[in-house]
Amino acid sequence: MWTGIEWNWFTQGQEVLYWHWSPNNGWAMNFPVRGFNECLIMYILAASSENYPVTAAVYHRGWAESSFLKMGKSFMDINYHWALITGATIFFTVFFFRIRSAGLKDRYADYWEQNKNHTLINHAYCVDNPKEFKGYGENCWGLTASDTYDGYNAFSPTNDQGTITPTAALSAFPYTPEFSMKALKHFYFDLGDKIWGEYGFIDAFNETKSWYAKSYLAIDQGPIVAMIENYRSGLLWKLFMSCPEIQAGLKKLGLLVPI
């Protein structure tokens, strides 16, 4: 499927990838995908394509918007390179379960450092708990996009309504193993049947509202398993990063390439 996608066609002749086209609605959304967010892998796959590749300029002018990713920031005394930190939900880093960020650098960032700091900010905010939501603390943290008591939302330190999503803390195992393990033990042993069921942990819960999801979202469940294994053995990272096509694409984009 990857080799058949006409990645260069999705630029519409511009230096950015667009999301998305359909036979019924054409380019109705006409949404240019720019960083930083979970779609970095799309640019890597597009640059790595042997049949329909995009140029490096699509990455630098579209994804990175030239100087956008160079904007330095800090939050809760933790340095963060990207401008979106106070509003960025943690799934931006969770979806590095395919791309090994340890050692991955370009002119914009050290991706391991930034992913780790992003996670540390998420944890520190929940421990600080400025809105005094029930349950928050050293063992109960994790703000990201998930189901919630009134629908669906993308939670972060600047959009906090008291809803904790297990995938946020558990998918962060490679970055914050000690903090993630504390959350895992609390979720399983202390909250137990309230949030553990047939398919593992429920999608989210809000103790302030006494609300516990009935749903299990694959897009949240999957990264938990993948990132725990990456922490244990690096298996998925090694498989993806060892592909010759991916190696070539990363080099094309100016990324240092860990294997």
C-alpha atoms as a PDB file:
ATOM      1  CA  MET A   1       0.000   0.000   0.000  1.00  0.00           C
ATOM      2  CA  TRP A   2       2.848   2.376   0.890  1.00  0.00           C
ATOM      3  CA  THR A   3       4.555   1.890  -2.481  1.00  0.00           C
ATOM      4  CA  GLY A   4       1.321   2.569  -4.341  1.00  0.00           C
ATOM      5  CA  ILE A   5       0.477   5.878  -2.652  1.00  0.00           C
ATOM      6  CA  GLU A   6       1.184   8.847  -4.895  1.00  0.00           C
ATOM      7  CA  TRP A   7       2.751  10.930  -2.140  1.00  0.00           C
ATOM      8  CA  ASN A   8       3.908  13.665  -4.507  1.00  0.00           C
ATOM      9  CA  TRP A   9       0.339  14.102  -5.773  1.00  0.00           C
ATOM     10  CA  PHE A  10      -0.775  14.987  -2.242  1.00  0.00           C
ATOM     11  CA  THR A  11       1.364  18.138  -2.394  1.00  0.00           C
ATOM     12  CA  GLN A  12      -0.910  19.667  -5.067  1.00  0.00           C
ATOM     13  CA  GLY A  13       2.265  21.111  -6.545  1.00  0.00           C
ATOM     14  CA  GLN A  14       3.113  22.910  -3.293  1.00  0.00           C
ATOM     15  CA  GLU A  15       5.858  22.319  -0.730  1.00  0.00           C
ATOM     16  CA  VAL A  16       3.592  20.693   1.848  1.00  0.00           C
ATOM     17  CA  LEU A  17       1.477  17.529   2.124  1.00  0.00           C
ATOM     18  CA  TYR A  18      -2.305  17.984   2.151  1.00  0.00           C
ATOM     19  CA  TRP A  19      -4.893  16.068   4.174  1.00  0.00           C
ATOM     20  CA  HIS A  20      -6.908  14.722   2.451  1.00  0.00           C
ATOM     21  CA  TRP A  21      -8.553  13.861  -0.902  1.00  0.00           C
ATOM     22  CA  SER A  22     -11.579  11.626  -1.507  1.00  0.00           C
ATOM     23  CA  PRO A  23     -13.349  10.560  -4.716  1.00  0.00           C
ATOM     24  CA  ASN A  24     -16.617  12.011  -3.419  1.00  0.00           C
ATOM     25  CA  ASN A  25     -15.421  15.323  -2.005  1.00  0.00           C
ATOM     26  CA  GLY A  26     -12.111  15.967  -3.709  1.00  0.00           C
ATOM     27  CA  TRP A  27      -9.931  18.399  -1.736  1.00  0.00           C
ATOM     28  CA  ALA A  28     -12.840  19.739   0.328  1.00  0.00           C
ATOM     29  CA  MET A  29     -10.802  19.805   3.546  1.00  0.00           C
ATOM     30  CA  ASN A  30      -7.702  21.104   1.750  1.00  0.00           C
ATOM     31  CA  PHE A  31      -5.754  20.978   5.025  1.00  0.00           C
ATOM     32  CA  PRO A  32      -1.955  21.437   4.862  1.00  0.00           C
ATOM     33  CA  VAL A  33      -0.260  19.228   7.464  1.00  0.00           C
ATOM     34  CA  ARG A  34       2.398  21.203   9.323  1.00  0.00           C
ATOM     35  CA  GLY A  35       4.472  20.327  12.380  1.00  0.00           C
ATOM     36  CA  PHE A  36       4.842  19.612  15.094  1.00  0.00           C
ATOM     37  CA  ASN A  37       2.294  16.821  15.599  1.00  0.00           C
ATOM     38  CA  GLU A  38       1.847  13.079  15.265  1.00  0.00           C
ATOM     39  CA  CYS A  39       2.048  13.175  11.452  1.00  0.00           C
ATOM     40  CA  LEU A  40       5.846  13.293  11.221  1.00  0.00           C
ATOM     41  CA  ILE A  41       5.782   9.679  10.057  1.00  0.00           C
ATOM     42  CA  MET A  42       3.721  10.702   7.036  1.00  0.00           C
ATOM     43  CA  TYR A  43       6.538  12.954   5.860  1.00  0.00           C
ATOM     44  CA  ILE A  44       9.122  10.235   6.458  1.00  0.00           C
ATOM     45  CA  LEU A  45       7.091   7.697   4.470  1.00  0.00           C
ATOM     46  CA  ALA A  46       6.554  10.234   1.691  1.00  0.00           C
ATOM     47  CA  ALA A  47      10.244  11.053   1.476  1.00  0.00           C
ATOM     48  CA  SER A  48      11.157   7.338   1.575  1.00  0.00           C
ATOM     49  CA  SER A  49       8.871   6.363  -1.304  1.00  0.00           C
ATOM     50  CA  GLU A  50      10.642   4.729  -4.217  1.00  0.00           C
ATOM     51  CA  ASN A  51       7.812   5.334  -6.699  1.00  0.00           C
ATOM     52  CA  TYR A  52       6.262   8.685  -5.749  1.00  0.00           C
ATOM     53  CA  PRO A  53       8.626  10.510  -3.369  1.00  0.00           C
ATOM     54  CA  VAL A  54       8.376  14.090  -2.186  1.00  0.00           C
ATOM     55  CA  THR A  55      11.371  16.401  -2.087  1.00  0.00           C
ATOM     56  CA  ALA A  56      13.207  17.429   1.061  1.00  0.00           C
ATOM     57  CA  ALA A  57      11.749  20.913   0.573  1.00  0.00           C
ATOM     58  CA  VAL A  58       8.277  19.533   1.305  1.00  0.00           C
ATOM     59  CA  TYR A  59       9.566  18.548   4.748  1.00  0.00           C
ATOM     60  CA  HIS A  60      11.483  21.743   5.461  1.00  0.00           C
ATOM     61  CA  ARG A  61       9.007  24.243   4.007  1.00  0.00           C
ATOM     62  CA  GLY A  62       5.810  22.311   4.725  1.00  0.00           C
ATOM     63  CA  TRP A  63       6.320  20.291   7.875  1.00  0.00           C
ATOM     64  CA  ALA A  64       8.860  22.547   9.577  1.00  0.00           C
ATOM     65  CA  GLU A  65       7.549  25.807   8.096  1.00  0.00           C
ATOM     66  CA  SER A  66      11.154  26.991   7.790  1.00  0.00           C
ATOM     67  CA  SER A  67      11.732  28.504  11.269  1.00  0.00           C
ATOM     68  CA  PHE A  68       8.635  27.276  13.115  1.00  0.00           C
ATOM     69  CA  LEU A  69      10.314  24.403  14.955  1.00  0.00           C
ATOM     70  CA  LYS A  70      13.241  26.601  15.975  1.00  0.00           C
ATOM     71  CA  MET A  71      11.156  28.551  18.466  1.00  0.00           C
ATOM     72  CA  GLY A  72      12.407  27.786  21.969  1.00  0.00           C
ATOM     73  CA  LYS A  73       9.988  27.537  24.885  1.00  0.00           C
ATOM     74  CA  SER A  74       9.856  26.367  28.468  1.00  0.00           C
ATOM     75  CA  PHE A  75       6.955  25.307  30.642  1.00  0.00           C
ATOM     76  CA  MET A  76       6.992  24.500  34.350  1.00  0.00           C
ATOM     77  CA  ASP A  77      10.777  25.115  34.302  1.00  0.00           C
ATOM     78  CA  ILE A  78      11.289  22.359  31.714  1.00  0.00           C
ATOM     79  CA  ASN A  79      12.832  23.428  28.408  1.00  0.00           C
ATOM     80  CA  TYR A  80      10.914  22.618  25.288  1.00  0.00           C
ATOM     81  CA  HIS A  81      12.040  23.419  21.778  1.00  0.00           C
ATOM     82  CA  TRP A  82       8.728  23.493  19.945  1.00  0.00           C
ATOM     83  CA  ALA A  83       6.316  26.378  20.138  1.00  0.00           C
ATOM     84  CA  LEU A  84       3.227  24.270  20.787  1.00  0.00           C
ATOM     85  CA  ILE A  85       4.147  22.827  24.173  1.00  0.00           C
ATOM     86  CA  THR A  86       1.538  24.481  26.392  1.00  0.00           C
ATOM     87  CA  GLY A  87      -1.223  23.425  24.047  1.00  0.00           C
ATOM     88  CA  ALA A  88       0.173  20.186  22.666  1.00  0.00           C
ATOM     89  CA  THR A  89      -1.454  16.979  23.739  1.00  0.00           C
ATOM     90  CA  ILE A  90       0.934  14.122  24.564  1.00  0.00           C
ATOM     91  CA  PHE A  91      -0.148  11.930  21.633  1.00  0.00           C
ATOM     92  CA  PHE A  92       2.285  13.958  19.534  1.00  0.00           C
ATOM     93  CA  THR A  93       5.073  11.969  21.225  1.00  0.00           C
ATOM     94  CA  VAL A  94       3.104   8.758  21.794  1.00  0.00           C
ATOM     95  CA  PHE A  95       3.030   8.182  18.040  1.00  0.00           C
ATOM     96  CA  PHE A  96       6.791   7.852  17.934  1.00  0.00           C
ATOM     97  CA  PHE A  97       6.228   4.156  18.635  1.00  0.00           C
ATOM     98  CA  ARG A  98       7.386   3.471  15.064  1.00  0.00           C
ATOM     99  CA  ILE A  99      10.118   6.111  14.820  1.00  0.00           C
ATOM    100  CA  ARG A 100      12.977   5.657  17.253  1.00  0.00           C
ATOM    101  CA  SER A 101      13.667   9.158  18.551  1.00  0.00           C
ATOM    102  CA  ALA A 102      16.773   8.249  20.567  1.00  0.00           C
ATOM    103  CA  GLY A 103      19.616   9.795  18.572  1.00  0.00           C
ATOM    104  CA  LEU A 104      17.216  11.285  16.019  1.00  0.00           C
ATOM    105  CA  LYS A 105      18.185  14.887  15.313  1.00  0.00           C
ATOM    106  CA  ASP A 106      17.919  17.473  12.600  1.00  0.00           C
ATOM    107  CA  ARG A 107      18.410  21.221  12.321  1.00  0.00           C
ATOM    108  CA  TYR A 108      15.254  21.758  14.367  1.00  0.00           C
ATOM    109  CA  ALA A 109      15.460  19.507  17.393  1.00  0.00           C
ATOM    110  CA  ASP A 110      16.845  16.572  19.295  1.00  0.00           C
ATOM    111  CA  TYR A 111      13.694  14.480  19.110  1.00  0.00           C
ATOM    112  CA  TRP A 112      14.464  12.252  22.085  1.00  0.00           C
ATOM    113  CA  GLU A 113      15.083  15.248  24.310  1.00  0.00           C
ATOM    114  CA  GLN A 114      11.946  16.980  23.159  1.00  0.00           C
ATOM    115  CA  ASN A 115       9.725  13.903  23.527  1.00  0.00           C
ATOM    116  CA  LYS A 116      11.062  13.243  27.004  1.00  0.00           C
ATOM    117  CA  ASN A 117      10.615  16.858  28.089  1.00  0.00           C
ATOM    118  CA  HIS A 118       7.121  16.908  26.618  1.00  0.00           C
ATOM    119  CA  THR A 119       6.270  13.892  28.790  1.00  0.00           C
ATOM    120  CA  LEU A 120       7.919  15.380  31.874  1.00  0.00           C
ATOM    121  CA  ILE A 121       5.831  18.522  31.467  1.00  0.00           C
ATOM    122  CA  ASN A 122       2.646  16.455  31.241  1.00  0.00           C
ATOM    123  CA  HIS A 123       3.616  14.569  34.402  1.00  0.00           C
ATOM    124  CA  ALA A 124       4.722  17.685  36.314  1.00  0.00           C
ATOM    125  CA  TYR A 125       1.488  19.480  35.486  1.00  0.00           C
ATOM    126  CA  CYS A 126      -0.657  16.611  36.780  1.00  0.00           C
ATOM    127  CA  VAL A 127       1.397  16.361  39.977  1.00  0.00           C
ATOM    128  CA  ASP A 128       1.033  20.119  40.505  1.00  0.00           C
ATOM    129  CA  ASN A 129      -2.694  19.803  39.751  1.00  0.00           C
ATOM    130  CA  PRO A 130      -3.447  23.551  39.659  1.00  0.00           C
ATOM    131  CA  LYS A 131      -7.184  22.978  39.156  1.00  0.00           C
ATOM    132  CA  GLU A 132      -7.328  20.522  42.081  1.00  0.00           C
ATOM    133  CA  PHE A 133      -9.012  17.689  40.228  1.00  0.00           C
ATOM    134  CA  LYS A 134      -9.652  14.523  42.200  1.00  0.00           C
ATOM    135  CA  GLY A 135      -7.148  11.714  41.757  1.00  0.00           C
ATOM    136  CA  TYR A 136      -4.314  13.652  40.110  1.00  0.00           C
ATOM    137  CA  GLY A 137      -0.846  13.047  41.490  1.00  0.00           C
ATOM    138  CA  GLU A 138       2.496  11.304  41.146  1.00  0.00           C
ATOM    139  CA  ASN A 139       0.793   7.966  40.462  1.00  0.00           C
ATOM    140  CA  CYS A 140      -2.121   9.254  38.407  1.00  0.00           C
ATOM    141  CA  TRP A 141      -1.271  11.380  35.409  1.00  0.00           C
ATOM    142  CA  GLY A 142      -1.636  11.562  31.649  1.00  0.00           C
ATOM    143  CA  LEU A 143      -3.423  14.147  29.511  1.00  0.00           C
ATOM    144  CA  THR A 144      -4.051  13.387  25.855  1.00  0.00           C
ATOM    145  CA  ALA A 145      -6.863  13.055  23.322  1.00  0.00           C
ATOM    146  CA  SER A 146      -9.531  10.602  24.430  1.00  0.00           C
ATOM    147  CA  ASP A 147     -13.168   9.954  25.125  1.00  0.00           C
ATOM    148  CA  THR A 148     -14.497  11.951  28.057  1.00  0.00           C
ATOM    149  CA  TYR A 149     -17.729  12.458  29.982  1.00  0.00           C
ATOM    150  CA  ASP A 150     -19.186  14.863  27.403  1.00  0.00           C
ATOM    151  CA  GLY A 151     -17.782  13.415  24.179  1.00  0.00           C
ATOM    152  CA  TYR A 152     -14.231  13.552  22.900  1.00  0.00           C
ATOM    153  CA  ASN A 153     -11.477  16.056  23.572  1.00  0.00           C
ATOM    154  CA  ALA A 154      -7.738  16.621  23.213  1.00  0.00           C
ATOM    155  CA  PHE A 155      -6.520  17.301  26.743  1.00  0.00           C
ATOM    156  CA  SER A 156      -3.263  19.024  27.664  1.00  0.00           C
ATOM    157  CA  PRO A 157      -1.919  21.378  30.354  1.00  0.00           C
ATOM    158  CA  THR A 158      -3.854  24.218  28.703  1.00  0.00           C
ATOM    159  CA  ASN A 159      -7.007  22.168  28.175  1.00  0.00           C
ATOM    160  CA  ASP A 160      -7.530  20.233  31.376  1.00  0.00           C
ATOM    161  CA  GLN A 161     -10.987  19.098  32.506  1.00  0.00           C
ATOM    162  CA  GLY A 162      -9.992  16.390  34.975  1.00  0.00           C
ATOM    163  CA  THR A 163      -9.916  13.454  32.551  1.00  0.00           C
ATOM    164  CA  ILE A 164      -6.954  11.076  32.777  1.00  0.00           C
ATOM    165  CA  THR A 165      -6.177   8.783  29.847  1.00  0.00           C
ATOM    166  CA  PRO A 166      -4.082   5.694  30.705  1.00  0.00           C
ATOM    167  CA  THR A 167      -2.423   5.576  27.297  1.00  0.00           C
ATOM    168  CA  ALA A 168      -0.698   8.905  27.978  1.00  0.00           C
ATOM    169  CA  ALA A 169       1.346   7.654  30.924  1.00  0.00           C
ATOM    170  CA  LEU A 170       1.720   4.060  29.749  1.00  0.00           C
ATOM    171  CA  SER A 171       2.820   4.888  26.215  1.00  0.00           C
ATOM    172  CA  ALA A 172       5.513   7.102  27.738  1.00  0.00           C
ATOM    173  CA  PHE A 173       7.438   4.157  29.234  1.00  0.00           C
ATOM    174  CA  PRO A 174      10.574   4.728  27.106  1.00  0.00           C
ATOM    175  CA  TYR A 175      10.750   8.382  28.196  1.00  0.00           C
ATOM    176  CA  THR A 176       9.690   8.185  31.854  1.00  0.00           C
ATOM    177  CA  PRO A 177       9.865   4.529  32.978  1.00  0.00           C
ATOM    178  CA  GLU A 178       9.737   5.282  36.711  1.00  0.00           C
ATOM    179  CA  PHE A 179       6.738   7.604  36.452  1.00  0.00           C
ATOM    180  CA  SER A 180       4.986   5.314  33.974  1.00  0.00           C
ATOM    181  CA  MET A 181       5.445   2.270  36.203  1.00  0.00           C
ATOM    182  CA  LYS A 182       3.955   4.126  39.167  1.00  0.00           C
ATOM    183  CA  ALA A 183       0.938   5.002  37.036  1.00  0.00           C
ATOM    184  CA  LEU A 184       0.606   1.427  35.776  1.00  0.00           C
ATOM    185  CA  LYS A 185       0.593   0.002  39.306  1.00  0.00           C
ATOM    186  CA  HIS A 186      -1.911   2.614  40.499  1.00  0.00           C
ATOM    187  CA  PHE A 187      -4.221   2.063  37.542  1.00  0.00           C
ATOM    188  CA  TYR A 188      -4.168  -1.712  37.936  1.00  0.00           C
ATOM    189  CA  PHE A 189      -3.928  -2.311  41.690  1.00  0.00           C
ATOM    190  CA  ASP A 190      -5.688   0.742  43.137  1.00  0.00           C
ATOM    191  CA  LEU A 191      -8.352   1.610  40.565  1.00  0.00           C
ATOM    192  CA  GLY A 192      -8.670  -1.979  39.413  1.00  0.00           C
ATOM    193  CA  ASP A 193     -12.036  -2.963  37.994  1.00  0.00           C
ATOM    194  CA  LYS A 194     -13.069   0.666  37.630  1.00  0.00           C
ATOM    195  CA  ILE A 195     -10.730   1.053  34.673  1.00  0.00           C
ATOM    196  CA  TRP A 196      -9.565  -2.486  33.802  1.00  0.00           C
ATOM    197  CA  GLY A 197     -11.691  -4.739  31.641  1.00  0.00           C
ATOM    198  CA  GLU A 198     -11.857  -7.246  28.845  1.00  0.00           C
ATOM    199  CA  TYR A 199      -9.512  -5.348  26.527  1.00  0.00           C
ATOM    200  CA  GLY A 200      -7.178  -3.858  29.113  1.00  0.00           C
ATOM    201  CA  PHE A 201      -7.531  -0.339  30.455  1.00  0.00           C
ATOM    202  CA  ILE A 202     -10.572   1.689  29.466  1.00  0.00           C
ATOM    203  CA  ASP A 203      -9.941   4.724  27.331  1.00  0.00           C
ATOM    204  CA  ALA A 204     -10.212   7.358  30.066  1.00  0.00           C
ATOM    205  CA  PHE A 205     -11.700   8.280  33.426  1.00  0.00           C
ATOM    206  CA  ASN A 206     -12.579  11.372  35.426  1.00  0.00           C
ATOM    207  CA  GLU A 207     -12.733  10.849  39.176  1.00  0.00           C
ATOM    208  CA  THR A 208     -13.978  14.378  39.815  1.00  0.00           C
ATOM    209  CA  LYS A 209     -17.072  13.545  37.753  1.00  0.00           C
ATOM    210  CA  SER A 210     -17.163   9.898  38.941  1.00  0.00           C
ATOM    211  CA  TRP A 211     -17.050   8.993  35.238  1.00  0.00           C
ATOM    212  CA  TYR A 212     -15.356   5.892  33.812  1.00  0.00           C
ATOM    213  CA  ALA A 213     -15.410   5.196  30.086  1.00  0.00           C
ATOM    214  CA  LYS A 214     -17.074   2.108  28.664  1.00  0.00           C
ATOM    215  CA  SER A 215     -14.936   2.386  25.543  1.00  0.00           C
ATOM    216  CA  TYR A 216     -11.611   0.951  24.422  1.00  0.00           C
ATOM    217  CA  LEU A 217     -10.012   2.854  21.545  1.00  0.00           C
ATOM    218  CA  ALA A 218      -7.549   0.893  19.430  1.00  0.00           C
ATOM    219  CA  ILE A 219      -5.630   4.074  18.592  1.00  0.00           C
ATOM    220  CA  ASP A 220      -4.957   4.460  22.317  1.00  0.00           C
ATOM    221  CA  GLN A 221      -4.587   0.794  23.246  1.00  0.00           C
ATOM    222  CA  GLY A 222      -2.096   0.020  20.493  1.00  0.00           C
ATOM    223  CA  PRO A 223       0.619   2.496  21.536  1.00  0.00           C
ATOM    224  CA  ILE A 224       0.543   1.137  25.110  1.00  0.00           C
ATOM    225  CA  VAL A 225       1.601  -2.329  23.936  1.00  0.00           C
ATOM    226  CA  ALA A 226       4.030  -0.989  21.336  1.00  0.00           C
ATOM    227  CA  MET A 227       5.796   1.444  23.632  1.00  0.00           C
ATOM    228  CA  ILE A 228       6.097  -1.004  26.517  1.00  0.00           C
ATOM    229  CA  GLU A 229       7.808  -3.398  24.110  1.00  0.00           C
ATOM    230  CA  ASN A 230       9.997  -0.598  22.790  1.00  0.00           C
ATOM    231  CA  TYR A 231      11.033   0.132  26.369  1.00  0.00           C
ATOM    232  CA  ARG A 232      11.752  -3.554  26.974  1.00  0.00           C
ATOM    233  CA  SER A 233      13.563  -4.426  23.757  1.00  0.00           C
ATOM    234  CA  GLY A 234      13.201  -1.669  21.158  1.00  0.00           C
ATOM    235  CA  LEU A 235      11.619  -4.274  18.859  1.00  0.00           C
ATOM    236  CA  LEU A 236       9.248  -2.111  16.824  1.00  0.00           C
ATOM    237  CA  TRP A 237      11.757   0.713  16.589  1.00  0.00           C
ATOM    238  CA  LYS A 238      14.449  -1.646  15.328  1.00  0.00           C
ATOM    239  CA  LEU A 239      12.170  -3.207  12.721  1.00  0.00           C
ATOM    240  CA  PHE A 240      10.991   0.101  11.286  1.00  0.00           C
ATOM    241  CA  MET A 241      14.258   2.003  11.475  1.00  0.00           C
ATOM    242  CA  SER A 242      16.232  -0.850   9.896  1.00  0.00           C
ATOM    243  CA  CYS A 243      14.267  -0.702   6.632  1.00  0.00           C
ATOM    244  CA  PRO A 244      16.665   0.487   3.899  1.00  0.00           C
ATOM    245  CA  GLU A 245      13.953   2.641   2.328  1.00  0.00           C
ATOM    246  CA  ILE A 246      13.256   4.389   5.641  1.00  0.00           C
ATOM    247  CA  GLN A 247      16.977   4.902   6.245  1.00  0.00           C
ATOM    248  CA  ALA A 248      17.265   6.553   2.832  1.00  0.00           C
ATOM    249  CA  GLY A 249      14.240   8.754   3.488  1.00  0.00           C
ATOM    250  CA  LEU A 250      15.553   9.940   6.856  1.00  0.00           C
ATOM    251  CA  LYS A 251      18.924  10.826   5.353  1.00  0.00           C
ATOM    252  CA  LYS A 252      17.171  12.692   2.574  1.00  0.00           C
ATOM    253  CA  LEU A 253      15.415  14.852   5.175  1.00  0.00           C
ATOM    254  CA  GLY A 254      18.652  15.603   7.007  1.00  0.00           C
ATOM    255  CA  LEU A 255      17.893  13.461  10.026  1.00  0.00           C
ATOM    256  CA  LEU A 256      20.641  11.648  11.862  1.00  0.00           C
ATOM    257  CA  VAL A 257      19.673   8.018  11.698  1.00  0.00           C
ATOM    258  CA  PRO A 258      19.904   5.708  14.751  1.00  0.00           C
ATOM    259  CA  ILE A 259      19.574   1.988  14.102  1.00  0.00           C
END
